[in-house]
Amino acid sequence: MSGSPDRVRPYLNPYVAGVVLGLVLLLTIYVTGRGLGASGGLKTIVAGAMDSLASEHYGGSLFYQEYASAHPVSPWKSWLVFEVVGVVLGALFSGVISNRLGLRLEHGPRIGARRRIAFALLGGALFGFGSQLGRGCTSGSALSGMAVSSVGGLITMIAIFGGAYALAFFFRKLWVK
């Protein structure tokens, strides 16, 4: 494209993006000894915030005591926190350079904005709960797990896609004409 500020750049080819993601994942495993994952980073941010803002609760909670014993270094020194911050800043940078930065709520022809937001919040909460049950989010459990040939990663991937396809049957009429 000409670089005109009113023109939106096309999306990256999904095959190229997949290869780049795979290379980033391999590099992450090589450098850190662990794969990618956002739920661990968010959990670390919450633990750090609780320690900073409500230290009595942090010290008295069994959950945070177990977390602190498993993670003796300050939560703010965890590489997972920097990963999550990097994802947010990278997404912002990408939106700026591709001229896609803005607020927009997309929804199908048979679903209103309020219902769309309610479904998004419910889906996000269920996915967050599931990531704690499965001991990792899609990045950590499925993507990183599949990269190291983990049976758990394969099961997670099957559950995510199988659940999505099964539920899509019931909700498709909200999104298509």
N, C-alpha and C. Protein backbone atom coordinates (compact mmCIF):
# COMPACT_ATOMS: atom_id res chain seq x y z
N MET A 1 0.83 -1.18 0.00
CA MET A 1 0.00 0.00 0.00
C MET A 1 0.88 1.24 0.00
N SER A 2 0.28 2.36 -0.27
CA SER A 2 1.05 3.58 -0.44
C SER A 2 1.53 4.18 0.87
N GLY A 3 1.06 3.73 1.99
CA GLY A 3 1.46 4.30 3.26
C GLY A 3 0.59 5.48 3.65
N SER A 4 -0.45 5.74 2.90
CA SER A 4 -1.37 6.82 3.21
C SER A 4 -2.02 6.56 4.57
N PRO A 5 -2.14 7.60 5.41
CA PRO A 5 -2.68 7.39 6.75
C PRO A 5 -4.12 6.92 6.78
N ASP A 6 -4.89 7.16 5.71
CA ASP A 6 -6.29 6.75 5.72
C ASP A 6 -6.49 5.34 5.17
N ARG A 7 -5.42 4.67 4.79
CA ARG A 7 -5.54 3.32 4.25
C ARG A 7 -5.10 2.30 5.28
N VAL A 8 -5.82 1.20 5.34
CA VAL A 8 -5.52 0.13 6.28
C VAL A 8 -4.66 -0.91 5.57
N ARG A 9 -3.60 -1.33 6.25
CA ARG A 9 -2.73 -2.37 5.68
C ARG A 9 -3.43 -3.72 5.75
N PRO A 10 -3.15 -4.59 4.79
CA PRO A 10 -3.77 -5.93 4.84
C PRO A 10 -3.17 -6.76 5.98
N TYR A 11 -3.91 -7.75 6.41
CA TYR A 11 -3.42 -8.65 7.45
C TYR A 11 -2.26 -9.48 6.91
N LEU A 12 -1.41 -9.94 7.83
CA LEU A 12 -0.31 -10.83 7.47
C LEU A 12 -0.88 -12.17 7.02
N ASN A 13 -0.26 -12.75 6.03
CA ASN A 13 -0.66 -14.08 5.56
C ASN A 13 -0.68 -15.04 6.77
N PRO A 14 -1.76 -15.79 6.98
CA PRO A 14 -1.83 -16.65 8.16
C PRO A 14 -0.77 -17.74 8.20
N TYR A 15 -0.31 -18.20 7.05
CA TYR A 15 0.74 -19.23 7.03
C TYR A 15 2.08 -18.63 7.48
N VAL A 16 2.34 -17.42 7.02
CA VAL A 16 3.56 -16.72 7.46
C VAL A 16 3.47 -16.43 8.96
N ALA A 17 2.32 -15.96 9.40
CA ALA A 17 2.14 -15.67 10.83
C ALA A 17 2.32 -16.94 11.67
N GLY A 18 1.84 -18.08 11.19
CA GLY A 18 1.99 -19.34 11.90
C GLY A 18 3.45 -19.76 12.02
N VAL A 19 4.19 -19.58 10.93
CA VAL A 19 5.62 -19.92 10.95
C VAL A 19 6.35 -19.00 11.92
N VAL A 20 6.04 -17.70 11.88
CA VAL A 20 6.69 -16.75 12.79
C VAL A 20 6.34 -17.09 14.24
N LEU A 21 5.08 -17.41 14.52
CA LEU A 21 4.69 -17.80 15.87
C LEU A 21 5.43 -19.05 16.32
N GLY A 22 5.57 -20.02 15.43
CA GLY A 22 6.30 -21.24 15.76
C GLY A 22 7.77 -20.95 16.07
N LEU A 23 8.39 -20.05 15.31
CA LEU A 23 9.78 -19.67 15.57
C LEU A 23 9.92 -18.94 16.90
N VAL A 24 8.97 -18.06 17.19
CA VAL A 24 8.98 -17.35 18.49
C VAL A 24 8.83 -18.36 19.63
N LEU A 25 7.95 -19.33 19.45
CA LEU A 25 7.74 -20.35 20.47
C LEU A 25 9.02 -21.17 20.69
N LEU A 26 9.66 -21.61 19.61
CA LEU A 26 10.91 -22.36 19.74
C LEU A 26 11.99 -21.53 20.40
N LEU A 27 12.10 -20.26 20.04
CA LEU A 27 13.08 -19.39 20.65
C LEU A 27 12.79 -19.21 22.15
N THR A 28 11.53 -19.07 22.50
CA THR A 28 11.15 -18.93 23.90
C THR A 28 11.51 -20.18 24.69
N ILE A 29 11.24 -21.34 24.13
CA ILE A 29 11.59 -22.58 24.81
C ILE A 29 13.10 -22.69 24.97
N TYR A 30 13.84 -22.30 23.94
CA TYR A 30 15.30 -22.37 24.00
C TYR A 30 15.87 -21.40 25.04
N VAL A 31 15.37 -20.16 25.06
CA VAL A 31 15.91 -19.13 25.95
C VAL A 31 15.46 -19.32 27.39
N THR A 32 14.17 -19.59 27.60
CA THR A 32 13.64 -19.63 28.97
C THR A 32 13.47 -21.04 29.52
N GLY A 33 13.46 -22.02 28.64
CA GLY A 33 13.20 -23.38 29.08
C GLY A 33 11.72 -23.66 29.26
N ARG A 34 10.89 -22.69 28.90
CA ARG A 34 9.44 -22.82 29.00
C ARG A 34 8.81 -22.27 27.74
N GLY A 35 7.56 -22.63 27.52
CA GLY A 35 6.85 -22.12 26.36
C GLY A 35 6.15 -20.81 26.67
N LEU A 36 5.29 -20.41 25.76
CA LEU A 36 4.51 -19.19 25.91
C LEU A 36 3.30 -19.45 26.79
N GLY A 37 2.77 -18.43 27.41
CA GLY A 37 1.55 -18.57 28.19
C GLY A 37 1.15 -17.25 28.81
N ALA A 38 -0.13 -16.93 28.72
CA ALA A 38 -0.61 -15.67 29.28
C ALA A 38 -1.24 -15.83 30.65
N SER A 39 -1.87 -16.97 30.91
CA SER A 39 -2.58 -17.11 32.19
C SER A 39 -1.61 -17.07 33.37
N GLY A 40 -0.42 -17.62 33.21
CA GLY A 40 0.57 -17.55 34.28
C GLY A 40 1.04 -16.13 34.52
N GLY A 41 1.17 -15.36 33.44
CA GLY A 41 1.55 -13.96 33.57
C GLY A 41 0.48 -13.15 34.26
N LEU A 42 -0.77 -13.39 33.90
CA LEU A 42 -1.87 -12.66 34.55
C LEU A 42 -1.98 -13.05 36.02
N LYS A 43 -1.78 -14.33 36.31
CA LYS A 43 -1.81 -14.78 37.71
C LYS A 43 -0.68 -14.11 38.50
N THR A 44 0.48 -13.97 37.88
CA THR A 44 1.61 -13.33 38.53
C THR A 44 1.34 -11.85 38.77
N ILE A 45 0.71 -11.18 37.80
CA ILE A 45 0.35 -9.76 37.96
C ILE A 45 -0.65 -9.60 39.10
N VAL A 46 -1.65 -10.47 39.18
CA VAL A 46 -2.62 -10.41 40.28
C VAL A 46 -1.94 -10.64 41.61
N ALA A 47 -1.03 -11.62 41.67
CA ALA A 47 -0.32 -11.89 42.93
C ALA A 47 0.52 -10.68 43.33
N GLY A 48 1.21 -10.07 42.38
CA GLY A 48 2.02 -8.88 42.68
C GLY A 48 1.16 -7.72 43.14
N ALA A 49 0.01 -7.53 42.49
CA ALA A 49 -0.90 -6.45 42.89
C ALA A 49 -1.45 -6.70 44.29
N MET A 50 -1.81 -7.93 44.59
CA MET A 50 -2.33 -8.25 45.93
C MET A 50 -1.25 -8.04 46.99
N ASP A 51 -0.02 -8.43 46.68
CA ASP A 51 1.08 -8.24 47.62
C ASP A 51 1.32 -6.75 47.87
N SER A 52 1.21 -5.94 46.81
CA SER A 52 1.45 -4.50 46.94
C SER A 52 0.29 -3.76 47.58
N LEU A 53 -0.94 -4.12 47.22
CA LEU A 53 -2.11 -3.35 47.66
C LEU A 53 -2.78 -3.91 48.91
N ALA A 54 -2.72 -5.21 49.11
CA ALA A 54 -3.38 -5.84 50.26
C ALA A 54 -2.46 -6.90 50.85
N SER A 55 -1.34 -6.44 51.40
CA SER A 55 -0.31 -7.38 51.85
C SER A 55 -0.79 -8.28 53.00
N GLU A 56 -1.71 -7.79 53.83
CA GLU A 56 -2.24 -8.65 54.91
C GLU A 56 -3.01 -9.83 54.32
N HIS A 57 -3.84 -9.55 53.32
CA HIS A 57 -4.59 -10.62 52.66
C HIS A 57 -3.64 -11.56 51.93
N TYR A 58 -2.66 -11.00 51.26
CA TYR A 58 -1.68 -11.80 50.53
C TYR A 58 -0.96 -12.76 51.48
N GLY A 59 -0.53 -12.25 52.64
CA GLY A 59 0.19 -13.08 53.61
C GLY A 59 -0.68 -14.10 54.32
N GLY A 60 -1.99 -13.79 54.44
CA GLY A 60 -2.89 -14.68 55.17
C GLY A 60 -3.64 -15.68 54.32
N SER A 61 -3.57 -15.55 53.01
CA SER A 61 -4.31 -16.43 52.11
C SER A 61 -3.50 -17.67 51.78
N LEU A 62 -4.11 -18.83 51.91
CA LEU A 62 -3.44 -20.09 51.59
C LEU A 62 -2.99 -20.12 50.13
N PHE A 63 -3.85 -19.63 49.25
CA PHE A 63 -3.51 -19.61 47.82
C PHE A 63 -2.23 -18.81 47.58
N TYR A 64 -2.16 -17.60 48.14
CA TYR A 64 -0.98 -16.76 47.92
C TYR A 64 0.24 -17.28 48.67
N GLN A 65 0.04 -17.95 49.80
CA GLN A 65 1.17 -18.56 50.51
C GLN A 65 1.79 -19.66 49.64
N GLU A 66 0.93 -20.49 49.05
CA GLU A 66 1.42 -21.54 48.15
C GLU A 66 2.10 -20.92 46.93
N TYR A 67 1.52 -19.85 46.40
CA TYR A 67 2.11 -19.17 45.24
C TYR A 67 3.49 -18.62 45.61
N ALA A 68 3.58 -17.95 46.77
CA ALA A 68 4.84 -17.34 47.19
C ALA A 68 5.92 -18.40 47.43
N SER A 69 5.53 -19.56 47.97
CA SER A 69 6.54 -20.60 48.20
C SER A 69 7.01 -21.21 46.88
N ALA A 70 6.15 -21.27 45.90
CA ALA A 70 6.54 -21.81 44.59
C ALA A 70 7.28 -20.77 43.75
N HIS A 71 7.07 -19.50 44.05
CA HIS A 71 7.69 -18.40 43.29
C HIS A 71 8.36 -17.44 44.28
N PRO A 72 9.55 -17.80 44.78
CA PRO A 72 10.19 -16.98 45.81
C PRO A 72 10.65 -15.60 45.34
N VAL A 73 10.85 -15.43 44.04
CA VAL A 73 11.26 -14.13 43.50
C VAL A 73 10.03 -13.23 43.42
N SER A 74 10.23 -11.94 43.52
CA SER A 74 9.13 -10.98 43.43
C SER A 74 8.32 -11.22 42.16
N PRO A 75 6.99 -11.16 42.26
CA PRO A 75 6.18 -11.35 41.05
C PRO A 75 6.54 -10.37 39.94
N TRP A 76 7.01 -9.18 40.30
CA TRP A 76 7.32 -8.16 39.30
C TRP A 76 8.62 -8.45 38.56
N LYS A 77 9.34 -9.49 38.98
CA LYS A 77 10.57 -9.87 38.28
C LYS A 77 10.38 -11.11 37.41
N SER A 78 9.15 -11.55 37.26
CA SER A 78 8.84 -12.73 36.46
C SER A 78 8.85 -12.38 34.98
N TRP A 79 9.44 -13.23 34.16
CA TRP A 79 9.46 -12.98 32.72
C TRP A 79 8.06 -13.05 32.13
N LEU A 80 7.15 -13.77 32.80
CA LEU A 80 5.78 -13.87 32.30
C LEU A 80 5.08 -12.51 32.33
N VAL A 81 5.39 -11.69 33.34
CA VAL A 81 4.80 -10.35 33.41
C VAL A 81 5.28 -9.54 32.21
N PHE A 82 6.58 -9.64 31.90
CA PHE A 82 7.11 -8.91 30.76
C PHE A 82 6.53 -9.44 29.45
N GLU A 83 6.23 -10.73 29.40
CA GLU A 83 5.61 -11.29 28.20
C GLU A 83 4.23 -10.68 27.98
N VAL A 84 3.42 -10.62 29.03
CA VAL A 84 2.07 -10.07 28.91
C VAL A 84 2.13 -8.58 28.55
N VAL A 85 3.02 -7.83 29.20
CA VAL A 85 3.18 -6.41 28.88
C VAL A 85 3.64 -6.26 27.43
N GLY A 86 4.54 -7.13 26.99
CA GLY A 86 5.01 -7.09 25.61
C GLY A 86 3.91 -7.39 24.60
N VAL A 87 3.03 -8.32 24.93
CA VAL A 87 1.91 -8.63 24.04
C VAL A 87 0.99 -7.42 23.90
N VAL A 88 0.69 -6.76 25.02
CA VAL A 88 -0.18 -5.58 24.98
C VAL A 88 0.48 -4.45 24.18
N LEU A 89 1.74 -4.17 24.47
CA LEU A 89 2.44 -3.10 23.75
C LEU A 89 2.63 -3.46 22.26
N GLY A 90 2.90 -4.73 21.98
CA GLY A 90 3.04 -5.17 20.59
C GLY A 90 1.75 -5.03 19.82
N ALA A 91 0.64 -5.37 20.46
CA ALA A 91 -0.67 -5.22 19.81
C ALA A 91 -0.98 -3.75 19.54
N LEU A 92 -0.65 -2.90 20.51
CA LEU A 92 -0.86 -1.46 20.33
C LEU A 92 0.00 -0.94 19.17
N PHE A 93 1.26 -1.31 19.15
CA PHE A 93 2.18 -0.89 18.09
C PHE A 93 1.68 -1.39 16.72
N SER A 94 1.27 -2.64 16.67
CA SER A 94 0.76 -3.22 15.42
C SER A 94 -0.48 -2.46 14.94
N GLY A 95 -1.37 -2.13 15.85
CA GLY A 95 -2.57 -1.37 15.49
C GLY A 95 -2.24 0.01 14.95
N VAL A 96 -1.22 0.64 15.54
CA VAL A 96 -0.83 1.98 15.09
C VAL A 96 -0.21 1.92 13.69
N ILE A 97 0.75 1.01 13.49
CA ILE A 97 1.45 1.00 12.19
C ILE A 97 0.57 0.47 11.05
N SER A 98 -0.47 -0.30 11.38
CA SER A 98 -1.34 -0.81 10.31
C SER A 98 -2.61 0.03 10.17
N ASN A 99 -2.69 1.09 10.95
CA ASN A 99 -3.85 1.99 10.92
C ASN A 99 -5.14 1.26 11.28
N ARG A 100 -5.07 0.37 12.26
CA ARG A 100 -6.24 -0.38 12.70
C ARG A 100 -6.62 -0.07 14.15
N LEU A 101 -6.04 0.96 14.71
CA LEU A 101 -6.28 1.26 16.10
C LEU A 101 -7.60 1.99 16.25
N GLY A 102 -8.46 1.49 17.09
CA GLY A 102 -9.75 2.12 17.34
C GLY A 102 -10.65 1.18 18.11
N LEU A 103 -11.70 1.72 18.64
CA LEU A 103 -12.67 0.91 19.37
C LEU A 103 -13.83 0.56 18.45
N ARG A 104 -14.16 -0.71 18.43
CA ARG A 104 -15.23 -1.18 17.56
C ARG A 104 -15.81 -2.43 18.18
N LEU A 105 -17.10 -2.54 18.19
CA LEU A 105 -17.76 -3.74 18.69
C LEU A 105 -18.42 -4.44 17.51
N GLU A 106 -17.91 -5.60 17.19
CA GLU A 106 -18.46 -6.35 16.07
C GLU A 106 -19.48 -7.35 16.59
N HIS A 107 -20.57 -7.45 15.87
CA HIS A 107 -21.60 -8.43 16.23
C HIS A 107 -22.40 -8.78 14.99
N GLY A 108 -23.06 -9.90 15.05
CA GLY A 108 -23.83 -10.37 13.92
C GLY A 108 -25.14 -9.62 13.78
N PRO A 109 -25.89 -9.92 12.71
CA PRO A 109 -27.13 -9.19 12.44
C PRO A 109 -28.26 -9.49 13.43
N ARG A 110 -28.18 -10.58 14.15
CA ARG A 110 -29.26 -10.97 15.06
C ARG A 110 -28.87 -10.89 16.53
N ILE A 111 -27.84 -10.14 16.83
CA ILE A 111 -27.41 -10.00 18.22
C ILE A 111 -27.05 -8.54 18.46
N GLY A 112 -27.57 -8.00 19.55
CA GLY A 112 -27.29 -6.60 19.87
C GLY A 112 -25.98 -6.46 20.62
N ALA A 113 -25.58 -5.22 20.80
CA ALA A 113 -24.30 -4.92 21.45
C ALA A 113 -24.27 -5.42 22.89
N ARG A 114 -25.35 -5.22 23.65
CA ARG A 114 -25.36 -5.63 25.06
C ARG A 114 -25.26 -7.16 25.19
N ARG A 115 -25.98 -7.85 24.35
CA ARG A 115 -25.94 -9.31 24.40
C ARG A 115 -24.57 -9.83 23.95
N ARG A 116 -23.98 -9.18 22.97
CA ARG A 116 -22.63 -9.55 22.49
C ARG A 116 -21.61 -9.38 23.61
N ILE A 117 -21.69 -8.27 24.33
CA ILE A 117 -20.77 -8.02 25.45
C ILE A 117 -20.99 -9.06 26.55
N ALA A 118 -22.26 -9.37 26.85
CA ALA A 118 -22.55 -10.37 27.88
C ALA A 118 -21.98 -11.74 27.48
N PHE A 119 -22.15 -12.14 26.23
CA PHE A 119 -21.58 -13.41 25.76
C PHE A 119 -20.06 -13.39 25.83
N ALA A 120 -19.46 -12.27 25.45
CA ALA A 120 -18.00 -12.16 25.48
C ALA A 120 -17.48 -12.28 26.91
N LEU A 121 -18.13 -11.60 27.85
CA LEU A 121 -17.71 -11.69 29.25
C LEU A 121 -17.90 -13.09 29.81
N LEU A 122 -19.03 -13.72 29.49
CA LEU A 122 -19.28 -15.09 29.95
C LEU A 122 -18.25 -16.05 29.35
N GLY A 123 -17.99 -15.92 28.06
CA GLY A 123 -17.01 -16.79 27.40
C GLY A 123 -15.61 -16.58 27.97
N GLY A 124 -15.24 -15.34 28.21
CA GLY A 124 -13.94 -15.05 28.79
C GLY A 124 -13.80 -15.62 30.19
N ALA A 125 -14.86 -15.48 30.99
CA ALA A 125 -14.82 -16.03 32.35
C ALA A 125 -14.72 -17.55 32.32
N LEU A 126 -15.49 -18.20 31.46
CA LEU A 126 -15.41 -19.66 31.35
C LEU A 126 -14.04 -20.11 30.87
N PHE A 127 -13.49 -19.38 29.90
CA PHE A 127 -12.17 -19.75 29.39
C PHE A 127 -11.11 -19.54 30.46
N GLY A 128 -11.22 -18.46 31.24
CA GLY A 128 -10.28 -18.22 32.33
C GLY A 128 -10.37 -19.30 33.40
N PHE A 129 -11.59 -19.69 33.73
CA PHE A 129 -11.79 -20.76 34.71
C PHE A 129 -11.22 -22.07 34.18
N GLY A 130 -11.47 -22.35 32.91
CA GLY A 130 -10.94 -23.57 32.29
C GLY A 130 -9.43 -23.56 32.23
N SER A 131 -8.83 -22.39 32.03
CA SER A 131 -7.37 -22.34 31.97
C SER A 131 -6.76 -22.67 33.33
N GLN A 132 -7.47 -22.36 34.40
CA GLN A 132 -6.96 -22.71 35.72
C GLN A 132 -7.17 -24.20 36.00
N LEU A 133 -8.28 -24.74 35.54
CA LEU A 133 -8.51 -26.19 35.69
C LEU A 133 -7.49 -26.99 34.89
N GLY A 134 -7.20 -26.50 33.68
CA GLY A 134 -6.28 -27.20 32.78
C GLY A 134 -4.83 -26.83 33.01
N ARG A 135 -4.57 -25.99 33.98
CA ARG A 135 -3.21 -25.56 34.32
C ARG A 135 -2.51 -24.84 33.17
N GLY A 136 -3.28 -24.05 32.44
CA GLY A 136 -2.68 -23.24 31.38
C GLY A 136 -3.71 -22.78 30.37
N CYS A 137 -3.40 -21.67 29.73
CA CYS A 137 -4.28 -21.11 28.71
C CYS A 137 -4.01 -21.78 27.36
N THR A 138 -4.63 -21.28 26.32
CA THR A 138 -4.41 -21.87 25.00
C THR A 138 -2.94 -21.76 24.61
N SER A 139 -2.31 -20.67 24.96
CA SER A 139 -0.89 -20.50 24.62
C SER A 139 -0.04 -21.51 25.38
N GLY A 140 -0.24 -21.56 26.68
CA GLY A 140 0.60 -22.42 27.50
C GLY A 140 0.30 -23.89 27.35
N SER A 141 -0.95 -24.24 27.46
CA SER A 141 -1.31 -25.66 27.46
C SER A 141 -1.39 -26.24 26.05
N ALA A 142 -2.08 -25.56 25.17
CA ALA A 142 -2.29 -26.11 23.83
C ALA A 142 -1.09 -25.86 22.91
N LEU A 143 -0.74 -24.60 22.70
CA LEU A 143 0.32 -24.28 21.75
C LEU A 143 1.68 -24.79 22.22
N SER A 144 2.07 -24.42 23.43
CA SER A 144 3.37 -24.87 23.94
C SER A 144 3.37 -26.37 24.20
N GLY A 145 2.24 -26.89 24.66
CA GLY A 145 2.14 -28.33 24.89
C GLY A 145 2.27 -29.13 23.61
N MET A 146 1.62 -28.66 22.56
CA MET A 146 1.72 -29.35 21.27
C MET A 146 3.14 -29.26 20.71
N ALA A 147 3.83 -28.15 20.98
CA ALA A 147 5.19 -27.97 20.45
C ALA A 147 6.17 -28.98 21.03
N VAL A 148 5.89 -29.45 22.25
CA VAL A 148 6.78 -30.44 22.88
C VAL A 148 6.15 -31.83 22.90
N SER A 149 5.15 -32.04 22.04
CA SER A 149 4.46 -33.33 21.89
C SER A 149 3.83 -33.84 23.17
N SER A 150 3.22 -32.92 23.92
CA SER A 150 2.55 -33.27 25.17
C SER A 150 1.16 -33.81 24.88
N VAL A 151 0.81 -34.92 25.51
CA VAL A 151 -0.52 -35.49 25.36
C VAL A 151 -1.55 -34.50 25.91
N GLY A 152 -1.21 -33.83 27.02
CA GLY A 152 -2.10 -32.82 27.59
C GLY A 152 -2.36 -31.68 26.61
N GLY A 153 -1.34 -31.26 25.86
CA GLY A 153 -1.51 -30.22 24.85
C GLY A 153 -2.45 -30.66 23.75
N LEU A 154 -2.32 -31.92 23.32
CA LEU A 154 -3.21 -32.46 22.29
C LEU A 154 -4.66 -32.51 22.81
N ILE A 155 -4.83 -32.98 24.02
CA ILE A 155 -6.18 -33.06 24.61
C ILE A 155 -6.79 -31.66 24.74
N THR A 156 -5.97 -30.70 25.17
CA THR A 156 -6.45 -29.32 25.29
C THR A 156 -6.88 -28.78 23.93
N MET A 157 -6.07 -29.00 22.92
CA MET A 157 -6.40 -28.51 21.58
C MET A 157 -7.69 -29.14 21.07
N ILE A 158 -7.83 -30.43 21.27
CA ILE A 158 -9.07 -31.12 20.85
C ILE A 158 -10.27 -30.57 21.60
N ALA A 159 -10.11 -30.33 22.91
CA ALA A 159 -11.22 -29.81 23.71
C ALA A 159 -11.59 -28.39 23.27
N ILE A 160 -10.59 -27.56 22.99
CA ILE A 160 -10.88 -26.17 22.58
C ILE A 160 -11.61 -26.15 21.24
N PHE A 161 -11.04 -26.82 20.24
CA PHE A 161 -11.67 -26.80 18.92
C PHE A 161 -12.97 -27.60 18.89
N GLY A 162 -12.99 -28.74 19.58
CA GLY A 162 -14.23 -29.52 19.63
C GLY A 162 -15.35 -28.77 20.31
N GLY A 163 -15.03 -28.13 21.44
CA GLY A 163 -16.04 -27.33 22.14
C GLY A 163 -16.51 -26.15 21.30
N ALA A 164 -15.59 -25.50 20.61
CA ALA A 164 -15.95 -24.36 19.77
C ALA A 164 -16.86 -24.78 18.62
N TYR A 165 -16.50 -25.87 17.96
CA TYR A 165 -17.34 -26.34 16.85
C TYR A 165 -18.71 -26.81 17.34
N ALA A 166 -18.74 -27.48 18.48
CA ALA A 166 -20.02 -27.95 19.01
C ALA A 166 -20.93 -26.78 19.40
N LEU A 167 -20.36 -25.77 20.05
CA LEU A 167 -21.17 -24.62 20.45
C LEU A 167 -21.53 -23.73 19.27
N ALA A 168 -20.68 -23.68 18.26
CA ALA A 168 -20.96 -22.85 17.08
C ALA A 168 -22.28 -23.25 16.43
N PHE A 169 -22.62 -24.52 16.47
CA PHE A 169 -23.89 -24.99 15.90
C PHE A 169 -25.07 -24.27 16.54
N PHE A 170 -25.01 -24.08 17.86
CA PHE A 170 -26.13 -23.49 18.58
C PHE A 170 -26.17 -21.97 18.48
N PHE A 171 -25.05 -21.34 18.25
CA PHE A 171 -24.99 -19.88 18.24
C PHE A 171 -24.81 -19.29 16.84
N ARG A 172 -24.76 -20.11 15.80
CA ARG A 172 -24.48 -19.64 14.46
C ARG A 172 -25.53 -18.66 13.94
N LYS A 173 -26.77 -18.85 14.33
CA LYS A 173 -27.85 -18.01 13.83
C LYS A 173 -27.73 -16.56 14.31
N LEU A 174 -26.99 -16.35 15.38
CA LEU A 174 -26.76 -15.00 15.86
C LEU A 174 -25.75 -14.24 15.01
N TRP A 175 -24.94 -14.99 14.25
CA TRP A 175 -23.82 -14.36 13.54
C TRP A 175 -23.98 -14.34 12.03
N VAL A 176 -24.79 -15.20 11.48
CA VAL A 176 -24.95 -15.24 10.01
C VAL A 176 -26.39 -14.99 9.65
N LYS A 177 -26.59 -14.52 8.43
CA LYS A 177 -27.96 -14.24 7.97
C LYS A 177 -28.67 -15.48 7.53
